Amino acid sequence: MGAAVILFLLILIGLGSSGTNETGWWWWTSIKAQNT
């Protein structure tokens, strides 16, 4: 699961879109909040 999350983030960052990066960060934050 953790590896999949990291891979997904790398893909989002790789797209290079500021909008996508913001969405990726929000998604990452929400996932971490759920896992806490």
PDB file of N, CA and C in Angstrom:
ATOM      1  N   MET A   1       0.843  -1.194   0.000  1.00  0.00           N
ATOM      2  CA  MET A   1       0.000   0.000   0.000  1.00  0.00           C
ATOM      3  C   MET A   1       0.880   1.246   0.000  1.00  0.00           C
ATOM      4  N   GLY A   2       1.860   1.285   0.910  1.00  0.00           N
ATOM      5  CA  GLY A   2       2.736   2.446   0.997  1.00  0.00           C
ATOM      6  C   GLY A   2       3.475   2.705  -0.307  1.00  0.00           C
ATOM      7  N   ALA A   3       3.964   1.636  -0.935  1.00  0.00           N
ATOM      8  CA  ALA A   3       4.696   1.791  -2.189  1.00  0.00           C
ATOM      9  C   ALA A   3       3.789   2.348  -3.282  1.00  0.00           C
ATOM     10  N   ALA A   4       2.541   1.910  -3.282  1.00  0.00           N
ATOM     11  CA  ALA A   4       1.581   2.385  -4.285  1.00  0.00           C
ATOM     12  C   ALA A   4       1.318   3.876  -4.112  1.00  0.00           C
ATOM     13  N   VAL A   5       1.230   4.308  -2.854  1.00  0.00           N
ATOM     14  CA  VAL A   5       0.994   5.729  -2.563  1.00  0.00           C
ATOM     15  C   VAL A   5       2.154   6.570  -3.067  1.00  0.00           C
ATOM     16  N   ILE A   6       3.379   6.122  -2.787  1.00  0.00           N
ATOM     17  CA  ILE A   6       4.574   6.848  -3.221  1.00  0.00           C
ATOM     18  C   ILE A   6       4.641   6.894  -4.744  1.00  0.00           C
ATOM     19  N   LEU A   7       4.363   5.766  -5.385  1.00  0.00           N
ATOM     20  CA  LEU A   7       4.406   5.706  -6.844  1.00  0.00           C
ATOM     21  C   LEU A   7       3.393   6.666  -7.442  1.00  0.00           C
ATOM     22  N   PHE A   8       2.189   6.698  -6.867  1.00  0.00           N
ATOM     23  CA  PHE A   8       1.133   7.580  -7.356  1.00  0.00           C
ATOM     24  C   PHE A   8       1.560   9.042  -7.242  1.00  0.00           C
ATOM     25  N   LEU A   9       2.195   9.375  -6.112  1.00  0.00           N
ATOM     26  CA  LEU A   9       2.673  10.750  -5.905  1.00  0.00           C
ATOM     27  C   LEU A   9       3.736  11.114  -6.932  1.00  0.00           C
ATOM     28  N   LEU A  10       4.649  10.184  -7.199  1.00  0.00           N
ATOM     29  CA  LEU A  10       5.713  10.449  -8.166  1.00  0.00           C
ATOM     30  C   LEU A  10       5.123  10.726  -9.541  1.00  0.00           C
ATOM     31  N   ILE A  11       4.061  10.006  -9.889  1.00  0.00           N
ATOM     32  CA  ILE A  11       3.395  10.220 -11.181  1.00  0.00           C
ATOM     33  C   ILE A  11       2.783  11.612 -11.223  1.00  0.00           C
ATOM     34  N   LEU A  12       2.103  11.997 -10.141  1.00  0.00           N
ATOM     35  CA  LEU A  12       1.470  13.322 -10.092  1.00  0.00           C
ATOM     36  C   LEU A  12       2.506  14.426 -10.235  1.00  0.00           C
ATOM     37  N   ILE A  13       3.613  14.300  -9.490  1.00  0.00           N
ATOM     38  CA  ILE A  13       4.675  15.307  -9.541  1.00  0.00           C
ATOM     39  C   ILE A  13       5.293  15.339 -10.941  1.00  0.00           C
ATOM     40  N   GLY A  14       5.433  14.177 -11.545  1.00  0.00           N
ATOM     41  CA  GLY A  14       6.031  14.071 -12.870  1.00  0.00           C
ATOM     42  C   GLY A  14       5.220  14.786 -13.937  1.00  0.00           C
ATOM     43  N   LEU A  15       3.922  14.931 -13.722  1.00  0.00           N
ATOM     44  CA  LEU A  15       3.075  15.609 -14.699  1.00  0.00           C
ATOM     45  C   LEU A  15       3.451  17.082 -14.806  1.00  0.00           C
ATOM     46  N   GLY A  16       3.971  17.646 -13.703  1.00  0.00           N
ATOM     47  CA  GLY A  16       4.473  19.014 -13.727  1.00  0.00           C
ATOM     48  C   GLY A  16       3.393  20.082 -13.745  1.00  0.00           C
ATOM     49  N   SER A  17       2.147  19.698 -13.485  1.00  0.00           N
ATOM     50  CA  SER A  17       1.067  20.685 -13.464  1.00  0.00           C
ATOM     51  C   SER A  17       0.856  21.170 -12.042  1.00  0.00           C
ATOM     52  N   SER A  18       0.835  22.483 -11.854  1.00  0.00           N
ATOM     53  CA  SER A  18       0.652  23.042 -10.513  1.00  0.00           C
ATOM     54  C   SER A  18      -0.690  22.600  -9.941  1.00  0.00           C
ATOM     55  N   GLY A  19      -1.724  22.577 -10.780  1.00  0.00           N
ATOM     56  CA  GLY A  19      -3.044  22.147 -10.335  1.00  0.00           C
ATOM     57  C   GLY A  19      -3.012  20.689  -9.910  1.00  0.00           C
ATOM     58  N   THR A  20      -2.331  19.849 -10.691  1.00  0.00           N
ATOM     59  CA  THR A  20      -2.239  18.431 -10.361  1.00  0.00           C
ATOM     60  C   THR A  20      -1.440  18.238  -9.083  1.00  0.00           C
ATOM     61  N   ASN A  21      -0.369  19.020  -8.924  1.00  0.00           N
ATOM     62  CA  ASN A  21       0.456  18.903  -7.725  1.00  0.00           C
ATOM     63  C   ASN A  21      -0.336  19.280  -6.486  1.00  0.00           C
ATOM     64  N   GLU A  22      -1.184  20.307  -6.596  1.00  0.00           N
ATOM     65  CA  GLU A  22      -2.010  20.712  -5.462  1.00  0.00           C
ATOM     66  C   GLU A  22      -2.992  19.601  -5.121  1.00  0.00           C
ATOM     67  N   THR A  23      -3.578  18.994  -6.154  1.00  0.00           N
ATOM     68  CA  THR A  23      -4.519  17.899  -5.944  1.00  0.00           C
ATOM     69  C   THR A  23      -3.805  16.714  -5.314  1.00  0.00           C
ATOM     70  N   GLY A  24      -2.595  16.428  -5.798  1.00  0.00           N
ATOM     71  CA  GLY A  24      -1.808  15.320  -5.255  1.00  0.00           C
ATOM     72  C   GLY A  24      -1.481  15.538  -3.789  1.00  0.00           C
ATOM     73  N   TRP A  25      -1.146  16.786  -3.450  1.00  0.00           N
ATOM     74  CA  TRP A  25      -0.803  17.106  -2.060  1.00  0.00           C
ATOM     75  C   TRP A  25      -2.030  16.945  -1.176  1.00  0.00           C
ATOM     76  N   TRP A  26      -3.183  17.418  -1.671  1.00  0.00           N
ATOM     77  CA  TRP A  26      -4.428  17.302  -0.898  1.00  0.00           C
ATOM     78  C   TRP A  26      -4.767  15.826  -0.696  1.00  0.00           C
ATOM     79  N   TRP A  27      -4.601  15.047  -1.781  1.00  0.00           N
ATOM     80  CA  TRP A  27      -4.905  13.616  -1.715  1.00  0.00           C
ATOM     81  C   TRP A  27      -3.986  12.930  -0.719  1.00  0.00           C
ATOM     82  N   TRP A  28      -2.695  13.269  -0.793  1.00  0.00           N
ATOM     83  CA  TRP A  28      -1.693  12.684   0.111  1.00  0.00           C
ATOM     84  C   TRP A  28      -2.008  13.035   1.551  1.00  0.00           C
ATOM     85  N   THR A  29      -2.371  14.309   1.801  1.00  0.00           N
ATOM     86  CA  THR A  29      -2.691  14.759   3.156  1.00  0.00           C
ATOM     87  C   THR A  29      -3.916  14.025   3.683  1.00  0.00           C
ATOM     88  N   SER A  30      -4.931  13.853   2.830  1.00  0.00           N
ATOM     89  CA  SER A  30      -6.155  13.175   3.257  1.00  0.00           C
ATOM     90  C   SER A  30      -5.877  11.712   3.579  1.00  0.00           C
ATOM     91  N   ILE A  31      -5.014  11.071   2.796  1.00  0.00           N
ATOM     92  CA  ILE A  31      -4.658   9.667   3.042  1.00  0.00           C
ATOM     93  C   ILE A  31      -3.929   9.545   4.372  1.00  0.00           C
ATOM     94  N   LYS A  32      -2.984  10.446   4.626  1.00  0.00           N
ATOM     95  CA  LYS A  32      -2.235  10.404   5.880  1.00  0.00           C
ATOM     96  C   LYS A  32      -3.170  10.643   7.061  1.00  0.00           C
ATOM     97  N   ALA A  33      -4.137  11.527   6.889  1.00  0.00           N
ATOM     98  CA  ALA A  33      -5.086  11.820   7.965  1.00  0.00           C
ATOM     99  C   ALA A  33      -5.917  10.577   8.288  1.00  0.00           C
ATOM    100  N   GLN A  34      -6.304   9.835   7.258  1.00  0.00           N
ATOM    101  CA  GLN A  34      -7.098   8.624   7.455  1.00  0.00           C
ATOM    102  C   GLN A  34      -6.262   7.533   8.119  1.00  0.00           C
ATOM    103  N   ASN A  35      -4.977   7.474   7.784  1.00  0.00           N
ATOM    104  CA  ASN A  35      -4.104   6.432   8.322  1.00  0.00           C
ATOM    105  C   ASN A  35      -3.662   6.726   9.746  1.00  0.00           C
ATOM    106  N   THR A  36      -3.797   7.972  10.170  1.00  0.00           N
ATOM    107  CA  THR A  36      -3.357   8.348  11.513  1.00  0.00           C
ATOM    108  C   THR A  36      -4.363   7.865  12.553  1.00  0.00           C
TER     109      THR A  36
END
